[in-house]
Amino acid sequence: MFKFLAKAGMKRSEEEITKFLGLFESGDKEQNGIIIGSGALIHYSLSSLGPEFSKLINSGIGKNQGPIKNYILQLNSLLNDYHKADESINAAGVKLWNITFRCMSNNSFRHYGQALWNRASASFEYAKEHLKNELEMAESLGKGKLVEKIKGALSLYDYIPPQFRNN
């Protein structure tokens, strides 16, 4: 029974990964840059909460897969919260990390993560531009905490998890 459930879960994860990858590959560089920029904001925010996100996202191939699977559940919850709040750009940033973690959760999904981040890297300059525009707007509105987050995200817009880098 457990093997059946695990296999069904793997199939669902792979379907979710390929669906997102298909959407991401069909997006233009500017659109993907907005998702990457939002992903950088989420990366900064989650890293600011404690060391767990950073530890997991920097895991080597095949490492920390159990904790990564558990973190996917937390990302699912955050994703649902953003959807309920009608914050689609933040939801897209969370979805980027959700799919990334899914690609890290099983070695057989690694090639999807490599394809995702290869495609993402083509949009890094657009992500940087998006974040700079968001920073300018936040500064003009006097939103100090948001300014701090965006500045932190600007240091992460071109981050690629180690196991998906083309070394």
N, C-alpha and C. Protein backbone atom coordinates (compact mmCIF):
# COMPACT_ATOMS: atom_id res chain seq x y z
N MET A 1 0.83 -1.20 0.00
CA MET A 1 0.00 0.00 0.00
C MET A 1 0.87 1.26 0.00
N PHE A 2 1.90 1.27 0.87
CA PHE A 2 2.76 2.44 0.95
C PHE A 2 3.47 2.69 -0.38
N LYS A 3 3.96 1.63 -1.03
CA LYS A 3 4.64 1.79 -2.32
C LYS A 3 3.69 2.38 -3.36
N PHE A 4 2.43 1.94 -3.33
CA PHE A 4 1.43 2.47 -4.26
C PHE A 4 1.23 3.96 -4.04
N LEU A 5 1.09 4.38 -2.79
CA LEU A 5 0.90 5.80 -2.48
C LEU A 5 2.13 6.62 -2.86
N ALA A 6 3.31 6.07 -2.59
CA ALA A 6 4.53 6.78 -2.94
C ALA A 6 4.64 6.94 -4.45
N LYS A 7 4.31 5.89 -5.19
CA LYS A 7 4.38 5.94 -6.64
C LYS A 7 3.36 6.95 -7.19
N ALA A 8 2.16 6.96 -6.62
CA ALA A 8 1.14 7.92 -7.05
C ALA A 8 1.58 9.35 -6.75
N GLY A 9 2.21 9.56 -5.59
CA GLY A 9 2.72 10.88 -5.23
C GLY A 9 3.82 11.34 -6.17
N MET A 10 4.69 10.42 -6.55
CA MET A 10 5.76 10.74 -7.50
C MET A 10 5.17 11.12 -8.86
N LYS A 11 4.16 10.40 -9.28
CA LYS A 11 3.53 10.70 -10.57
C LYS A 11 2.89 12.09 -10.54
N ARG A 12 2.19 12.40 -9.45
CA ARG A 12 1.56 13.72 -9.31
C ARG A 12 2.61 14.83 -9.31
N SER A 13 3.72 14.60 -8.60
CA SER A 13 4.79 15.59 -8.57
C SER A 13 5.36 15.81 -9.96
N GLU A 14 5.61 14.72 -10.67
CA GLU A 14 6.16 14.85 -12.02
C GLU A 14 5.20 15.59 -12.94
N GLU A 15 3.91 15.31 -12.82
CA GLU A 15 2.91 16.02 -13.63
C GLU A 15 2.91 17.51 -13.31
N GLU A 16 3.01 17.84 -12.03
CA GLU A 16 3.02 19.25 -11.63
C GLU A 16 4.30 19.94 -12.13
N ILE A 17 5.41 19.24 -12.05
CA ILE A 17 6.68 19.79 -12.53
C ILE A 17 6.61 20.07 -14.03
N THR A 18 6.15 19.07 -14.80
CA THR A 18 6.14 19.23 -16.26
C THR A 18 5.13 20.30 -16.69
N LYS A 19 4.04 20.41 -15.97
CA LYS A 19 3.05 21.45 -16.29
C LYS A 19 3.66 22.84 -16.08
N PHE A 20 4.31 23.04 -14.93
CA PHE A 20 4.93 24.34 -14.66
C PHE A 20 6.04 24.62 -15.65
N LEU A 21 6.86 23.61 -15.92
CA LEU A 21 7.96 23.79 -16.86
C LEU A 21 7.44 24.17 -18.25
N GLY A 22 6.35 23.55 -18.66
CA GLY A 22 5.75 23.89 -19.95
C GLY A 22 5.27 25.33 -19.99
N LEU A 23 4.62 25.77 -18.92
CA LEU A 23 4.17 27.17 -18.84
C LEU A 23 5.35 28.13 -18.82
N PHE A 24 6.37 27.77 -18.07
CA PHE A 24 7.55 28.62 -17.95
C PHE A 24 8.28 28.71 -19.29
N GLU A 25 8.39 27.59 -19.98
CA GLU A 25 9.07 27.59 -21.28
C GLU A 25 8.30 28.36 -22.33
N SER A 26 6.97 28.44 -22.19
CA SER A 26 6.17 29.19 -23.16
C SER A 26 6.12 30.69 -22.85
N GLY A 27 6.56 31.07 -21.66
CA GLY A 27 6.58 32.48 -21.28
C GLY A 27 7.73 33.21 -21.92
N ASP A 28 7.56 34.51 -22.12
CA ASP A 28 8.67 35.29 -22.66
C ASP A 28 9.63 35.67 -21.54
N LYS A 29 10.77 36.22 -21.91
CA LYS A 29 11.81 36.52 -20.92
C LYS A 29 11.35 37.55 -19.90
N GLU A 30 10.57 38.52 -20.35
CA GLU A 30 10.10 39.55 -19.42
C GLU A 30 9.12 38.97 -18.41
N GLN A 31 8.18 38.17 -18.89
CA GLN A 31 7.21 37.53 -18.00
C GLN A 31 7.93 36.61 -17.01
N ASN A 32 8.86 35.81 -17.51
CA ASN A 32 9.61 34.94 -16.62
C ASN A 32 10.48 35.72 -15.65
N GLY A 33 10.97 36.88 -16.09
CA GLY A 33 11.74 37.74 -15.21
C GLY A 33 10.94 38.21 -14.01
N ILE A 34 9.66 38.48 -14.22
CA ILE A 34 8.79 38.88 -13.10
C ILE A 34 8.65 37.72 -12.13
N ILE A 35 8.50 36.50 -12.65
CA ILE A 35 8.40 35.32 -11.77
C ILE A 35 9.71 35.12 -11.01
N ILE A 36 10.84 35.26 -11.70
CA ILE A 36 12.15 35.11 -11.06
C ILE A 36 12.34 36.20 -10.00
N GLY A 37 11.95 37.42 -10.32
CA GLY A 37 12.04 38.51 -9.34
C GLY A 37 11.20 38.23 -8.11
N SER A 38 9.98 37.76 -8.33
CA SER A 38 9.13 37.38 -7.20
C SER A 38 9.74 36.22 -6.43
N GLY A 39 10.33 35.27 -7.16
CA GLY A 39 11.02 34.16 -6.50
C GLY A 39 12.17 34.64 -5.64
N ALA A 40 12.89 35.67 -6.10
CA ALA A 40 13.99 36.23 -5.31
C ALA A 40 13.46 36.88 -4.03
N LEU A 41 12.31 37.56 -4.13
CA LEU A 41 11.68 38.14 -2.93
C LEU A 41 11.28 37.05 -1.94
N ILE A 42 10.70 35.97 -2.46
CA ILE A 42 10.30 34.85 -1.60
C ILE A 42 11.55 34.21 -0.98
N HIS A 43 12.59 34.03 -1.78
CA HIS A 43 13.85 33.47 -1.29
C HIS A 43 14.39 34.31 -0.13
N TYR A 44 14.44 35.61 -0.33
CA TYR A 44 14.93 36.50 0.72
C TYR A 44 14.05 36.41 1.97
N SER A 45 12.74 36.45 1.77
CA SER A 45 11.81 36.42 2.91
C SER A 45 11.92 35.12 3.70
N LEU A 46 11.95 33.99 3.00
CA LEU A 46 12.03 32.70 3.69
C LEU A 46 13.38 32.52 4.36
N SER A 47 14.44 33.00 3.74
CA SER A 47 15.78 32.92 4.35
C SER A 47 15.87 33.79 5.60
N SER A 48 15.11 34.88 5.62
CA SER A 48 15.12 35.79 6.77
C SER A 48 14.43 35.18 7.99
N LEU A 49 13.59 34.17 7.77
CA LEU A 49 12.86 33.55 8.86
C LEU A 49 13.71 32.57 9.67
N GLY A 50 14.82 32.13 9.10
CA GLY A 50 15.68 31.16 9.77
C GLY A 50 16.50 30.41 8.73
N PRO A 51 17.36 29.51 9.21
CA PRO A 51 18.31 28.86 8.30
C PRO A 51 17.74 27.70 7.46
N GLU A 52 16.54 27.23 7.75
CA GLU A 52 16.05 26.01 7.10
C GLU A 52 15.97 26.13 5.58
N PHE A 53 15.34 27.19 5.06
CA PHE A 53 15.20 27.34 3.62
C PHE A 53 16.57 27.36 2.94
N SER A 54 17.48 28.16 3.46
CA SER A 54 18.81 28.27 2.85
C SER A 54 19.55 26.94 2.89
N LYS A 55 19.43 26.24 4.01
CA LYS A 55 20.09 24.93 4.12
C LYS A 55 19.55 23.97 3.06
N LEU A 56 18.25 23.93 2.91
CA LEU A 56 17.65 22.98 1.97
C LEU A 56 17.92 23.37 0.52
N ILE A 57 17.82 24.64 0.20
CA ILE A 57 17.99 25.07 -1.19
C ILE A 57 19.44 24.90 -1.63
N ASN A 58 20.35 24.85 -0.68
CA ASN A 58 21.77 24.65 -1.00
C ASN A 58 22.21 23.20 -0.85
N SER A 59 21.26 22.29 -0.70
CA SER A 59 21.58 20.87 -0.55
C SER A 59 22.22 20.32 -1.82
N GLY A 60 23.13 19.40 -1.61
CA GLY A 60 23.74 18.71 -2.74
C GLY A 60 22.78 17.69 -3.33
N ILE A 61 23.16 17.13 -4.44
CA ILE A 61 22.33 16.13 -5.13
C ILE A 61 22.07 14.95 -4.20
N GLY A 62 20.79 14.63 -4.02
CA GLY A 62 20.40 13.50 -3.20
C GLY A 62 20.43 13.75 -1.70
N LYS A 63 20.76 14.94 -1.27
CA LYS A 63 20.87 15.27 0.15
C LYS A 63 19.58 15.92 0.66
N ASN A 64 19.26 15.67 1.91
CA ASN A 64 18.13 16.30 2.61
C ASN A 64 16.79 16.10 1.91
N GLN A 65 16.62 15.00 1.19
CA GLN A 65 15.38 14.81 0.43
C GLN A 65 14.15 14.68 1.34
N GLY A 66 14.30 14.06 2.50
CA GLY A 66 13.17 13.97 3.44
C GLY A 66 12.73 15.35 3.90
N PRO A 67 13.65 16.17 4.46
CA PRO A 67 13.27 17.52 4.86
C PRO A 67 12.76 18.37 3.69
N ILE A 68 13.32 18.15 2.50
CA ILE A 68 12.85 18.90 1.32
C ILE A 68 11.39 18.56 1.03
N LYS A 69 11.05 17.27 1.11
CA LYS A 69 9.66 16.86 0.89
C LYS A 69 8.73 17.50 1.91
N ASN A 70 9.18 17.58 3.15
CA ASN A 70 8.37 18.24 4.18
C ASN A 70 8.22 19.73 3.91
N TYR A 71 9.27 20.36 3.41
CA TYR A 71 9.20 21.80 3.13
C TYR A 71 8.26 22.09 1.97
N ILE A 72 8.13 21.14 1.06
CA ILE A 72 7.19 21.31 -0.05
C ILE A 72 5.78 21.54 0.51
N LEU A 73 5.44 20.84 1.57
CA LEU A 73 4.12 21.02 2.20
C LEU A 73 3.96 22.44 2.72
N GLN A 74 5.01 22.99 3.31
CA GLN A 74 4.96 24.37 3.79
C GLN A 74 4.81 25.35 2.63
N LEU A 75 5.51 25.07 1.54
CA LEU A 75 5.40 25.93 0.36
C LEU A 75 4.00 25.84 -0.24
N ASN A 76 3.42 24.64 -0.22
CA ASN A 76 2.03 24.48 -0.71
C ASN A 76 1.08 25.36 0.10
N SER A 77 1.26 25.37 1.41
CA SER A 77 0.41 26.19 2.27
C SER A 77 0.58 27.67 1.97
N LEU A 78 1.83 28.11 1.82
CA LEU A 78 2.10 29.51 1.48
C LEU A 78 1.51 29.86 0.12
N LEU A 79 1.64 28.95 -0.83
CA LEU A 79 1.07 29.14 -2.16
C LEU A 79 -0.44 29.33 -2.08
N ASN A 80 -1.10 28.49 -1.31
CA ASN A 80 -2.55 28.62 -1.14
C ASN A 80 -2.92 29.95 -0.49
N ASP A 81 -2.13 30.40 0.48
CA ASP A 81 -2.39 31.69 1.13
C ASP A 81 -2.32 32.83 0.12
N TYR A 82 -1.31 32.81 -0.74
CA TYR A 82 -1.18 33.87 -1.75
C TYR A 82 -2.31 33.80 -2.77
N HIS A 83 -2.72 32.60 -3.13
CA HIS A 83 -3.86 32.48 -4.06
C HIS A 83 -5.13 33.05 -3.43
N LYS A 84 -5.37 32.71 -2.18
CA LYS A 84 -6.58 33.21 -1.48
C LYS A 84 -6.56 34.73 -1.36
N ALA A 85 -5.37 35.30 -1.20
CA ALA A 85 -5.23 36.75 -1.08
C ALA A 85 -5.17 37.43 -2.46
N ASP A 86 -5.31 36.65 -3.52
CA ASP A 86 -5.28 37.15 -4.89
C ASP A 86 -3.96 37.87 -5.20
N GLU A 87 -2.87 37.31 -4.68
CA GLU A 87 -1.53 37.86 -4.92
C GLU A 87 -0.80 36.92 -5.88
N SER A 88 -1.18 37.01 -7.16
CA SER A 88 -0.70 36.05 -8.15
C SER A 88 0.80 36.14 -8.40
N ILE A 89 1.39 37.31 -8.31
CA ILE A 89 2.83 37.42 -8.56
C ILE A 89 3.60 36.74 -7.43
N ASN A 90 3.19 36.96 -6.19
CA ASN A 90 3.83 36.26 -5.07
C ASN A 90 3.60 34.75 -5.17
N ALA A 91 2.40 34.37 -5.58
CA ALA A 91 2.10 32.94 -5.75
C ALA A 91 3.03 32.33 -6.79
N ALA A 92 3.29 33.05 -7.86
CA ALA A 92 4.19 32.55 -8.91
C ALA A 92 5.61 32.37 -8.37
N GLY A 93 6.05 33.28 -7.53
CA GLY A 93 7.38 33.16 -6.92
C GLY A 93 7.48 31.95 -6.00
N VAL A 94 6.42 31.71 -5.23
CA VAL A 94 6.39 30.53 -4.36
C VAL A 94 6.35 29.27 -5.21
N LYS A 95 5.58 29.30 -6.29
CA LYS A 95 5.47 28.13 -7.16
C LYS A 95 6.83 27.78 -7.76
N LEU A 96 7.63 28.78 -8.10
CA LEU A 96 8.97 28.54 -8.61
C LEU A 96 9.78 27.71 -7.61
N TRP A 97 9.72 28.08 -6.32
CA TRP A 97 10.46 27.34 -5.30
C TRP A 97 9.81 26.00 -5.01
N ASN A 98 8.51 25.94 -5.06
CA ASN A 98 7.81 24.67 -4.86
C ASN A 98 8.26 23.65 -5.91
N ILE A 99 8.29 24.07 -7.16
CA ILE A 99 8.71 23.18 -8.25
C ILE A 99 10.20 22.86 -8.12
N THR A 100 11.00 23.84 -7.74
CA THR A 100 12.42 23.59 -7.54
C THR A 100 12.64 22.52 -6.48
N PHE A 101 11.92 22.65 -5.36
CA PHE A 101 12.05 21.66 -4.29
C PHE A 101 11.55 20.30 -4.76
N ARG A 102 10.50 20.26 -5.55
CA ARG A 102 10.04 18.98 -6.08
C ARG A 102 11.13 18.33 -6.94
N CYS A 103 11.82 19.16 -7.71
CA CYS A 103 12.91 18.63 -8.55
C CYS A 103 14.08 18.13 -7.70
N MET A 104 14.22 18.67 -6.50
CA MET A 104 15.29 18.26 -5.59
C MET A 104 14.87 17.04 -4.75
N SER A 105 13.59 16.76 -4.70
CA SER A 105 13.08 15.73 -3.79
C SER A 105 13.34 14.31 -4.26
N ASN A 106 13.70 14.16 -5.53
CA ASN A 106 13.96 12.84 -6.07
C ASN A 106 14.97 12.99 -7.21
N ASN A 107 16.00 12.19 -7.19
CA ASN A 107 17.05 12.31 -8.20
C ASN A 107 16.53 12.16 -9.62
N SER A 108 15.43 11.42 -9.79
CA SER A 108 14.89 11.23 -11.15
C SER A 108 14.24 12.50 -11.70
N PHE A 109 14.04 13.52 -10.86
CA PHE A 109 13.47 14.79 -11.31
C PHE A 109 14.53 15.87 -11.55
N ARG A 110 15.78 15.54 -11.29
CA ARG A 110 16.85 16.54 -11.36
C ARG A 110 16.93 17.20 -12.74
N HIS A 111 16.75 16.44 -13.80
CA HIS A 111 16.85 17.00 -15.16
C HIS A 111 15.79 18.09 -15.39
N TYR A 112 14.64 17.95 -14.74
CA TYR A 112 13.62 19.00 -14.85
C TYR A 112 14.11 20.29 -14.19
N GLY A 113 14.75 20.16 -13.04
CA GLY A 113 15.29 21.33 -12.35
C GLY A 113 16.37 22.01 -13.17
N GLN A 114 17.20 21.21 -13.81
CA GLN A 114 18.24 21.78 -14.66
C GLN A 114 17.61 22.55 -15.82
N ALA A 115 16.58 21.98 -16.43
CA ALA A 115 15.90 22.67 -17.54
C ALA A 115 15.23 23.96 -17.05
N LEU A 116 14.58 23.88 -15.90
CA LEU A 116 13.91 25.06 -15.33
C LEU A 116 14.90 26.19 -15.10
N TRP A 117 16.00 25.89 -14.43
CA TRP A 117 16.95 26.94 -14.08
C TRP A 117 17.79 27.39 -15.28
N ASN A 118 17.95 26.54 -16.26
CA ASN A 118 18.59 26.97 -17.50
C ASN A 118 17.71 28.01 -18.19
N ARG A 119 16.43 27.73 -18.24
CA ARG A 119 15.47 28.67 -18.83
C ARG A 119 15.39 29.95 -17.99
N ALA A 120 15.38 29.79 -16.68
CA ALA A 120 15.29 30.94 -15.78
C ALA A 120 16.48 31.88 -15.96
N SER A 121 17.65 31.31 -16.14
CA SER A 121 18.86 32.15 -16.24
C SER A 121 18.79 33.11 -17.43
N ALA A 122 18.04 32.76 -18.45
CA ALA A 122 17.88 33.65 -19.60
C ALA A 122 17.06 34.90 -19.26
N SER A 123 16.38 34.87 -18.11
CA SER A 123 15.51 35.98 -17.70
C SER A 123 16.06 36.76 -16.51
N PHE A 124 17.28 36.47 -16.08
CA PHE A 124 17.81 37.12 -14.89
C PHE A 124 17.87 38.64 -15.03
N GLU A 125 18.27 39.15 -16.18
CA GLU A 125 18.35 40.60 -16.34
C GLU A 125 16.96 41.25 -16.26
N TYR A 126 15.96 40.55 -16.74
CA TYR A 126 14.58 41.05 -16.63
C TYR A 126 14.11 41.02 -15.18
N ALA A 127 14.55 40.00 -14.44
CA ALA A 127 14.22 39.92 -13.01
C ALA A 127 14.83 41.10 -12.27
N LYS A 128 16.08 41.40 -12.59
CA LYS A 128 16.77 42.52 -11.95
C LYS A 128 16.04 43.83 -12.26
N GLU A 129 15.66 44.01 -13.51
CA GLU A 129 14.94 45.23 -13.91
C GLU A 129 13.59 45.33 -13.19
N HIS A 130 12.89 44.21 -13.11
CA HIS A 130 11.61 44.18 -12.39
C HIS A 130 11.80 44.59 -10.93
N LEU A 131 12.81 44.02 -10.29
CA LEU A 131 13.05 44.35 -8.88
C LEU A 131 13.45 45.81 -8.70
N LYS A 132 14.24 46.34 -9.61
CA LYS A 132 14.61 47.75 -9.53
C LYS A 132 13.39 48.65 -9.66
N ASN A 133 12.48 48.29 -10.55
CA ASN A 133 11.23 49.05 -10.69
C ASN A 133 10.40 48.96 -9.41
N GLU A 134 10.32 47.79 -8.84
CA GLU A 134 9.58 47.60 -7.58
C GLU A 134 10.23 48.40 -6.45
N LEU A 135 11.55 48.43 -6.43
CA LEU A 135 12.28 49.19 -5.41
C LEU A 135 11.98 50.68 -5.53
N GLU A 136 12.03 51.17 -6.74
CA GLU A 136 11.74 52.59 -6.98
C GLU A 136 10.33 52.95 -6.49
N MET A 137 9.38 52.07 -6.79
CA MET A 137 8.00 52.32 -6.36
C MET A 137 7.88 52.26 -4.83
N ALA A 138 8.50 51.26 -4.22
CA ALA A 138 8.43 51.13 -2.76
C ALA A 138 9.09 52.32 -2.07
N GLU A 139 10.20 52.79 -2.61
CA GLU A 139 10.88 53.96 -2.03
C GLU A 139 10.01 55.20 -2.16
N SER A 140 9.36 55.37 -3.30
CA SER A 140 8.52 56.56 -3.50
C SER A 140 7.30 56.55 -2.59
N LEU A 141 6.86 55.34 -2.19
CA LEU A 141 5.71 55.22 -1.30
C LEU A 141 6.12 55.18 0.18
N GLY A 142 7.43 55.22 0.44
CA GLY A 142 7.93 55.21 1.81
C GLY A 142 7.71 53.89 2.53
N LYS A 143 7.75 52.80 1.81
CA LYS A 143 7.54 51.47 2.41
C LYS A 143 8.89 50.86 2.79
N GLY A 144 9.37 51.23 3.98
CA GLY A 144 10.71 50.86 4.43
C GLY A 144 10.97 49.36 4.49
N LYS A 145 10.04 48.59 5.05
CA LYS A 145 10.25 47.15 5.16
C LYS A 145 10.30 46.49 3.78
N LEU A 146 9.44 46.94 2.88
CA LEU A 146 9.44 46.39 1.53
C LEU A 146 10.72 46.77 0.80
N VAL A 147 11.20 47.99 1.01
CA VAL A 147 12.46 48.43 0.41
C VAL A 147 13.58 47.50 0.84
N GLU A 148 13.62 47.16 2.13
CA GLU A 148 14.65 46.25 2.65
C GLU A 148 14.56 44.88 1.98
N LYS A 149 13.35 44.36 1.84
CA LYS A 149 13.17 43.05 1.20
C LYS A 149 13.60 43.07 -0.26
N ILE A 150 13.24 44.13 -0.96
CA ILE A 150 13.60 44.20 -2.38
C ILE A 150 15.11 44.33 -2.53
N LYS A 151 15.75 45.10 -1.67
CA LYS A 151 17.22 45.20 -1.73
C LYS A 151 17.84 43.83 -1.48
N GLY A 152 17.29 43.08 -0.54
CA GLY A 152 17.78 41.72 -0.29
C GLY A 152 17.56 40.82 -1.50
N ALA A 153 16.39 40.97 -2.13
CA ALA A 153 16.08 40.16 -3.31
C ALA A 153 17.00 40.50 -4.48
N LEU A 154 17.43 41.75 -4.56
CA LEU A 154 18.34 42.15 -5.64
C LEU A 154 19.69 41.42 -5.53
N SER A 155 20.02 40.94 -4.35
CA SER A 155 21.26 40.17 -4.21
C SER A 155 21.05 38.69 -4.57
N LEU A 156 19.79 38.32 -4.85
CA LEU A 156 19.45 36.90 -5.10
C LEU A 156 18.81 36.65 -6.46
N TYR A 157 18.62 37.69 -7.26
CA TYR A 157 17.86 37.53 -8.51
C TYR A 157 18.49 36.53 -9.48
N ASP A 158 19.80 36.32 -9.36
CA ASP A 158 20.48 35.40 -10.28
C ASP A 158 20.96 34.13 -9.58
N TYR A 159 20.35 33.81 -8.47
CA TYR A 159 20.70 32.61 -7.71
C TYR A 159 20.17 31.36 -8.40
N ILE A 160 21.01 30.36 -8.52
CA ILE A 160 20.63 29.05 -9.03
C ILE A 160 21.02 28.03 -7.97
N PRO A 161 20.10 27.19 -7.53
CA PRO A 161 20.46 26.15 -6.54
C PRO A 161 21.64 25.31 -7.06
N PRO A 162 22.57 24.98 -6.18
CA PRO A 162 23.80 24.29 -6.60
C PRO A 162 23.57 23.04 -7.46
N GLN A 163 22.57 22.25 -7.15
CA GLN A 163 22.42 21.03 -7.92
C GLN A 163 21.87 21.23 -9.32
N PHE A 164 21.50 22.47 -9.66
CA PHE A 164 21.01 22.76 -11.00
C PHE A 164 21.94 23.67 -11.80
N ARG A 165 23.09 23.97 -11.23
CA ARG A 165 24.07 24.82 -11.92
C ARG A 165 24.79 24.01 -12.98
N ASN A 166 25.15 24.70 -14.05
CA ASN A 166 25.95 24.08 -15.11
C ASN A 166 27.42 24.35 -14.79
N ASN A 167 28.01 23.47 -14.03
CA ASN A 167 29.42 23.66 -13.62
C ASN A 167 30.36 23.18 -14.68
